């Protein structure tokens, strides 16, 4: 299990230093992440900053290792060259990363280097040197048999962490959602009577994203979510804890962070032998539903709120979200998790 990475020191976001003259020490990439994260607070959500920081600190380790092997000349984000980026591409290839993951990594790295005035990745993109074709076979998802194994395994997990992960997995799969859309949810955002969930923190929050109620489209997840709510209430009541957060951390009284959820997930990976990412539940929903009902492609896109995606743009969708939900309502029965 990878150790949790943290920024060593968060700088004053009001600093006036010229980035080109800034002293970043013996590990410039790692220290540079601190400045980048501090300055992006005005532009990105907290969860986005945490996720990008986690990736960048991992990249820092990679570049430091490549530097020790003399495969890159520098780890200073201001001076990383095309040859250094090519060494990073070779590293990604050696890890067997999917093209969709490579694309995301390059995007995060591009933003980071660009912050320091280094636009080498943007230049390489303009020269068509960084094209990763995103084909259907390149989408990560959890195989149906593995999905069943995961849910059966978490059924028996003890303690409050078991309660949390059962609720988290059931909800994220039940709505085909993103981790950031549910990690900070409130208890009032779950309405099991109407089988709907309120997306309080949508993708694009603060700009183009909008909060909205969406169906809990996987009916087999409803009993699991209800179990989570009952166990959560019993646990908090026994300890005289009151909180409006759905996935409340009893130690901090704040929501569980995605990092803590991910650490529980990593333990499940070790115990089941199945590797997966939290975001894979979303693509798994789409893959399983399409597998059993390919004619429901437009409705699947509506449930996943992909109005601006290339896939959705190819099709002219003439029905609204409510009508789409009606078409999908019973599709979960074709791949029911017992």
Protein backbone atom coordinates (compact mmCIF):
# COMPACT_ATOMS: atom_id res chain seq x y z
CA UNK A 1 0.00 0.00 0.00
CA UNK A 2 1.40 3.38 -0.95
CA UNK A 3 2.09 5.78 1.88
CA UNK A 4 0.05 8.95 2.09
CA UNK A 5 1.89 11.86 0.53
CA UNK A 6 1.60 15.32 1.97
CA UNK A 7 2.96 18.73 1.08
CA UNK A 8 5.91 19.45 3.36
CA UNK A 9 5.12 23.10 3.83
CA UNK A 10 2.35 25.26 2.46
CA UNK A 11 3.64 28.68 1.44
CA UNK A 12 1.87 31.97 1.90
CA UNK A 13 -0.39 32.27 -1.16
CA UNK A 14 0.23 36.02 -1.14
CA UNK A 15 3.94 35.65 -1.84
CA UNK A 16 5.31 38.04 -4.47
CA UNK A 17 8.45 36.16 -5.47
CA UNK A 18 9.35 35.93 -9.14
CA UNK A 19 8.81 32.25 -9.98
CA UNK A 20 11.79 32.27 -12.32
CA UNK A 21 14.06 33.29 -9.43
CA UNK A 22 12.38 31.28 -6.71
CA UNK A 23 14.67 28.97 -4.74
CA UNK A 24 13.05 25.53 -4.73
CA UNK A 25 15.81 23.65 -2.93
CA UNK A 26 17.28 20.21 -3.72
CA UNK A 27 13.86 18.78 -4.63
CA UNK A 28 12.36 21.57 -6.78
CA UNK A 29 9.49 19.56 -8.22
CA UNK A 30 8.19 18.57 -4.79
CA UNK A 31 8.53 22.09 -3.33
CA UNK A 32 7.00 23.55 -6.47
CA UNK A 33 3.82 21.57 -5.81
CA UNK A 34 3.34 23.56 -2.60
CA UNK A 35 3.36 26.87 -4.46
CA UNK A 36 1.15 25.54 -7.22
CA UNK A 37 -1.48 24.21 -4.78
CA UNK A 38 -1.52 27.45 -2.77
CA UNK A 39 -2.08 29.63 -5.82
CA UNK A 40 -4.79 27.39 -7.33
CA UNK A 41 -7.12 27.73 -4.32
CA UNK A 42 -8.91 30.59 -6.09
CA UNK A 43 -9.55 28.56 -9.23
CA UNK A 44 -10.10 24.90 -8.30
CA UNK A 45 -12.32 23.18 -5.75
CA UNK A 46 -10.70 21.76 -2.63
CA UNK A 47 -11.21 18.19 -3.83
CA UNK A 48 -9.66 18.95 -7.23
CA UNK A 49 -6.63 20.52 -5.55
CA UNK A 50 -6.25 17.49 -3.25
CA UNK A 51 -6.48 15.07 -6.17
CA UNK A 52 -4.05 17.02 -8.38
CA UNK A 53 -1.64 17.44 -5.46
CA UNK A 54 -1.67 13.69 -4.86
CA UNK A 55 -0.83 13.06 -8.51
CA UNK A 56 1.88 15.73 -8.63
CA UNK A 57 3.61 14.41 -5.52
CA UNK A 58 3.64 11.00 -7.15
CA UNK A 59 5.13 12.59 -10.28
CA UNK A 60 7.76 14.21 -8.03
CA UNK A 61 8.86 10.75 -6.87
CA UNK A 62 8.97 9.53 -10.46
CA UNK A 63 11.09 12.45 -11.69
CA UNK A 64 13.42 12.14 -8.70
CA UNK A 65 13.90 8.44 -9.46
CA UNK A 66 14.47 9.15 -13.16
CA UNK A 67 16.98 11.83 -12.17
CA UNK A 68 18.89 9.36 -10.00
CA UNK A 69 18.98 7.00 -13.00
CA UNK A 70 20.19 9.88 -15.20
CA UNK A 71 17.16 9.55 -17.49
CA UNK A 72 16.14 13.15 -16.95
CA UNK A 73 18.45 16.14 -16.53
CA UNK A 74 16.40 18.07 -13.99
CA UNK A 75 13.42 17.90 -11.67
CA UNK A 76 12.97 21.68 -11.69
CA UNK A 77 9.51 22.36 -13.22
CA UNK A 78 10.86 25.53 -14.85
CA UNK A 79 13.50 23.66 -16.86
CA UNK A 80 11.99 20.25 -17.65
CA UNK A 81 12.58 19.64 -21.36
CA UNK A 82 11.06 17.57 -24.14
CA UNK A 83 13.62 14.83 -23.49
CA UNK A 84 12.57 14.77 -19.83
CA UNK A 85 8.90 14.49 -20.83
CA UNK A 86 9.79 11.63 -23.16
CA UNK A 87 11.44 9.83 -20.23
CA UNK A 88 8.21 10.33 -18.26
CA UNK A 89 6.23 8.89 -21.21
CA UNK A 90 8.49 5.83 -21.19
CA UNK A 91 7.85 5.44 -17.46
CA UNK A 92 4.07 5.54 -18.02
CA UNK A 93 4.41 2.98 -20.80
CA UNK A 94 6.45 0.69 -18.54
CA UNK A 95 3.65 0.83 -15.97
CA UNK A 96 1.10 -0.33 -18.53
CA UNK A 97 -1.13 2.68 -17.93
CA UNK A 98 -4.27 3.06 -19.99
CA UNK A 99 -4.34 5.89 -22.51
CA UNK A 100 -7.12 7.65 -20.61
CA UNK A 101 -4.87 7.69 -17.52
CA UNK A 102 -1.88 8.89 -19.54
CA UNK A 103 -3.99 11.74 -20.92
CA UNK A 104 -5.05 12.79 -17.43
CA UNK A 105 -1.49 12.65 -16.09
CA UNK A 106 -0.17 14.75 -18.96
CA UNK A 107 -2.96 17.29 -18.45
CA UNK A 108 -2.14 17.70 -14.75
CA UNK A 109 1.58 17.92 -15.49
CA UNK A 110 0.95 20.49 -18.23
CA UNK A 111 -0.97 22.72 -15.83
CA UNK A 112 1.79 22.41 -13.24
CA UNK A 113 4.66 23.19 -15.60
CA UNK A 114 2.68 25.99 -17.22
CA UNK A 115 2.24 27.61 -13.81
CA UNK A 116 6.04 27.98 -13.72
CA UNK A 117 6.15 29.39 -17.24
CA UNK A 118 7.24 26.12 -18.83
CA UNK A 119 4.98 25.34 -21.80
CA UNK A 120 6.92 22.38 -23.18
CA UNK A 121 3.91 20.03 -22.99
CA UNK A 122 1.65 22.53 -24.76
CA UNK A 123 4.30 22.85 -27.47
CA UNK A 124 4.51 19.07 -27.83
CA UNK A 125 0.72 18.88 -28.10
CA UNK A 126 0.72 21.44 -30.91
CA UNK A 127 3.26 19.26 -32.70
CA UNK A 128 0.95 16.23 -32.25
CA UNK A 129 3.55 14.42 -30.15
CA UNK A 130 1.19 13.67 -27.27
CA UNK A 131 -1.87 12.04 -28.80
CA UNK A 132 -3.28 9.09 -26.86
CA UNK A 133 -6.22 7.55 -28.77
CA UNK A 134 -9.14 6.95 -26.41
CA UNK A 135 -10.78 3.80 -27.75
CA UNK A 136 -13.56 1.83 -26.12
CA UNK A 137 -11.14 -0.97 -25.19
CA UNK A 138 -9.13 1.60 -23.28
CA UNK A 139 -11.82 2.29 -20.68
CA UNK A 140 -11.14 0.93 -17.22
CA UNK A 141 -14.04 -0.91 -15.60
CA UNK A 142 -14.62 -3.71 -13.11
CA UNK A 143 -15.54 -7.07 -14.60
CA UNK A 144 -18.98 -8.29 -13.52
CA UNK A 145 -17.58 -11.30 -11.62
CA UNK A 146 -15.07 -9.07 -9.81
CA UNK A 147 -17.79 -6.56 -8.99
CA UNK A 148 -19.85 -9.28 -7.32
CA UNK A 149 -16.77 -10.39 -5.36
CA UNK A 150 -16.11 -6.84 -4.15
CA UNK A 151 -19.67 -6.31 -2.91
CA UNK A 152 -19.78 -9.72 -1.24
CA UNK A 153 -16.49 -8.97 0.49
CA UNK A 154 -17.53 -5.58 1.88
CA UNK A 155 -20.77 -7.11 3.17
CA UNK A 156 -18.74 -8.77 5.91
CA UNK A 157 -16.41 -5.91 6.82
CA UNK A 158 -16.67 -4.96 10.48
CA UNK A 159 -16.38 -1.62 12.23
CA UNK A 160 -17.32 1.87 11.16
CA UNK A 161 -14.89 1.79 8.23
CA UNK A 162 -16.83 -1.19 6.89
CA UNK A 163 -20.05 0.79 7.24
CA UNK A 164 -18.54 3.77 5.41
CA UNK A 165 -17.16 1.77 2.50
CA UNK A 166 -20.42 -0.17 2.05
CA UNK A 167 -22.31 3.09 1.83
CA UNK A 168 -19.75 4.75 -0.42
CA UNK A 169 -19.49 1.90 -2.92
CA UNK A 170 -23.25 1.34 -3.00
CA UNK A 171 -24.04 5.00 -3.59
CA UNK A 172 -21.35 5.76 -6.14
CA UNK A 173 -22.33 2.68 -8.18
CA UNK A 174 -26.04 3.22 -7.62
CA UNK A 175 -25.99 6.69 -9.18
CA UNK A 176 -23.07 6.12 -11.60
CA UNK A 177 -21.40 9.06 -9.87
CA UNK A 178 -18.00 10.58 -9.36
CA UNK A 179 -16.15 10.33 -5.99
CA UNK A 180 -16.21 14.11 -5.48
CA UNK A 181 -19.97 14.16 -5.99
CA UNK A 182 -20.69 12.07 -2.91
CA UNK A 183 -17.74 12.38 -0.53
CA UNK A 184 -18.99 15.70 0.89
CA UNK A 185 -22.69 14.86 0.69
CA UNK A 186 -25.17 15.59 3.46
CA UNK A 187 -27.60 13.10 5.00
CA UNK A 188 -30.49 15.05 3.45
CA UNK A 189 -29.07 14.41 -0.02
CA UNK A 190 -30.29 10.79 0.09
CA UNK A 191 -34.00 10.23 -0.49
CA UNK A 192 -34.67 6.48 -0.52
CA UNK A 193 -38.43 6.93 -0.62
CA UNK A 194 -38.18 8.46 -4.08
CA UNK A 195 -34.88 6.67 -4.83
CA UNK A 196 -33.04 9.87 -5.72
CA UNK A 197 -29.80 11.58 -4.69
CA UNK A 198 -28.90 15.27 -4.72
CA UNK A 199 -25.63 16.10 -6.47
CA UNK A 200 -24.44 18.93 -4.24
CA UNK A 201 -20.88 19.06 -5.55
CA UNK A 202 -21.05 18.41 -9.32
CA UNK A 203 -18.15 18.36 -11.72
CA UNK A 204 -17.52 21.95 -12.78
CA UNK A 205 -18.79 23.26 -9.45
CA UNK A 206 -18.53 27.04 -9.30
CA UNK A 207 -18.50 27.41 -13.08
CA UNK A 208 -20.59 25.32 -15.49
CA UNK A 209 -21.63 22.47 -13.16
CA UNK A 210 -25.08 22.52 -11.60
CA UNK A 211 -26.51 20.82 -8.51
CA UNK A 212 -29.46 18.53 -9.20
CA UNK A 213 -31.45 15.51 -8.04
CA UNK A 214 -30.71 12.34 -9.99
CA UNK A 215 -32.14 8.81 -9.75
CA UNK A 216 -30.44 6.07 -7.76
CA UNK A 217 -30.63 4.02 -10.91
CA UNK A 218 -29.34 0.69 -9.57
CA UNK A 219 -32.21 -0.74 -7.57
CA UNK A 220 -30.00 -3.47 -6.10
CA UNK A 221 -28.04 -0.76 -4.31
CA UNK A 222 -31.09 0.61 -2.43
CA UNK A 223 -31.06 -2.06 0.34
CA UNK A 224 -27.33 -1.60 0.72
CA UNK A 225 -27.65 2.16 1.09
CA UNK A 226 -30.47 1.66 3.62
CA UNK A 227 -28.23 -0.70 5.62
CA UNK A 228 -25.49 1.92 5.60
CA UNK A 229 -27.87 4.62 6.86
CA UNK A 230 -29.12 2.37 9.68
CA UNK A 231 -25.60 1.38 10.74
CA UNK A 232 -24.41 4.97 10.54
CA UNK A 233 -27.26 6.20 12.74
CA UNK A 234 -26.70 3.44 15.30
CA UNK A 235 -22.95 4.09 15.49
CA UNK A 236 -23.23 7.87 15.87
CA UNK A 237 -26.13 7.69 18.33
CA UNK A 238 -24.18 5.33 20.61
CA UNK A 239 -21.40 7.93 20.77
CA UNK A 240 -23.63 11.00 21.04
CA UNK A 241 -22.31 12.34 17.74
CA UNK A 242 -24.50 14.54 15.58
CA UNK A 243 -23.55 15.44 12.03
CA UNK A 244 -25.26 16.37 8.79
CA UNK A 245 -22.45 14.85 6.74
CA UNK A 246 -23.37 11.56 5.11
CA UNK A 247 -19.89 10.05 5.37
CA UNK A 248 -18.83 11.77 8.58
CA UNK A 249 -15.47 11.03 10.16
CA UNK A 250 -16.20 10.69 13.91
CA UNK A 251 -12.68 11.87 14.77
CA UNK A 252 -12.89 15.18 12.91
CA UNK A 253 -16.68 15.57 12.48
CA UNK A 254 -15.90 16.41 8.86
CA UNK A 255 -16.49 14.20 5.81
CA UNK A 256 -14.11 11.35 5.14
CA UNK A 257 -11.52 12.55 2.63
CA UNK A 258 -11.09 10.78 -0.68
CA UNK A 259 -7.62 9.80 0.52
CA UNK A 260 -9.05 7.96 3.55
CA UNK A 261 -11.68 6.27 1.37
CA UNK A 262 -8.93 5.29 -1.02
CA UNK A 263 -6.87 3.76 1.80
CA UNK A 264 -9.81 1.56 2.81
CA UNK A 265 -10.22 0.65 -0.87
CA UNK A 266 -6.55 -0.34 -1.10
CA UNK A 267 -7.02 -2.75 1.81
CA UNK A 268 -9.97 -4.32 -0.03
CA UNK A 269 -7.73 -4.70 -3.10
CA UNK A 270 -5.18 -6.57 -1.00
CA UNK A 271 -7.82 -8.84 0.52
CA UNK A 272 -9.65 -9.64 -2.73
CA UNK A 273 -6.77 -9.50 -5.19
CA UNK A 274 -8.83 -7.21 -7.41
CA UNK A 275 -7.29 -3.90 -8.50
CA UNK A 276 -9.71 -1.08 -9.19
CA UNK A 277 -10.12 2.67 -8.82
CA UNK A 278 -12.99 4.54 -7.19
CA UNK A 279 -13.88 6.14 -10.49
CA UNK A 280 -14.19 2.67 -12.08
CA UNK A 281 -17.65 2.23 -10.56
CA UNK A 282 -18.91 4.91 -12.94
CA UNK A 283 -17.53 3.31 -16.10
CA UNK A 284 -18.59 -0.11 -14.77
CA UNK A 285 -22.20 1.06 -14.54
CA UNK A 286 -22.08 2.28 -18.15
CA UNK A 287 -20.31 -0.84 -19.43
CA UNK A 288 -22.64 -3.35 -17.74
CA UNK A 289 -25.77 -1.48 -18.77
CA UNK A 290 -24.61 -1.08 -22.36
CA UNK A 291 -23.55 -4.73 -22.44
CA UNK A 292 -27.07 -5.88 -21.62
CA UNK A 293 -28.96 -3.05 -23.39
CA UNK A 294 -26.89 -1.39 -26.14
CA UNK A 295 -29.97 0.39 -27.41
CA UNK A 296 -30.01 2.43 -24.19
CA UNK A 297 -26.83 4.33 -25.08
CA UNK A 298 -28.47 7.76 -25.05
CA UNK A 299 -30.26 7.08 -21.78
CA UNK A 300 -27.00 5.94 -20.18
CA UNK A 301 -25.39 9.21 -21.24
CA UNK A 302 -28.22 11.17 -19.65
CA UNK A 303 -27.90 9.33 -16.34
CA UNK A 304 -24.17 10.06 -16.31
CA UNK A 305 -24.81 13.73 -17.19
CA UNK A 306 -22.59 13.67 -20.27
CA UNK A 307 -24.35 16.39 -22.23
CA UNK A 308 -21.02 17.87 -23.32
CA UNK A 309 -19.14 14.63 -23.99
CA UNK A 310 -18.12 13.57 -27.47
CA UNK A 311 -20.16 10.41 -27.13
CA UNK A 312 -23.30 12.35 -26.32
CA UNK A 313 -22.66 14.97 -28.97
CA UNK A 314 -22.77 12.30 -31.67
CA UNK A 315 -26.41 11.58 -30.79
CA UNK A 316 -29.31 13.97 -30.69
CA UNK A 317 -31.06 13.20 -27.45
CA UNK A 318 -34.70 14.15 -27.61
CA UNK A 319 -35.86 13.16 -24.14
CA UNK A 320 -35.12 14.70 -20.74
CA UNK A 321 -33.48 13.21 -17.65
CA UNK A 322 -36.78 12.01 -16.20
CA UNK A 323 -37.63 10.13 -19.39
CA UNK A 324 -34.10 8.72 -19.55
CA UNK A 325 -34.42 7.44 -15.97
CA UNK A 326 -37.71 5.75 -16.86
CA UNK A 327 -35.96 3.84 -19.65
CA UNK A 328 -33.13 2.75 -17.35
CA UNK A 329 -35.10 2.08 -14.17
CA UNK A 330 -35.20 -1.73 -14.42
CA UNK A 331 -31.97 -2.30 -16.38
CA UNK A 332 -30.04 -3.09 -13.19
CA UNK A 333 -32.02 -6.33 -12.85
CA UNK A 334 -30.07 -7.77 -15.78
CA UNK A 335 -26.84 -7.63 -13.77
CA UNK A 336 -28.21 -7.80 -10.22
CA UNK A 337 -25.70 -8.11 -7.39
CA UNK A 338 -26.90 -10.84 -5.03
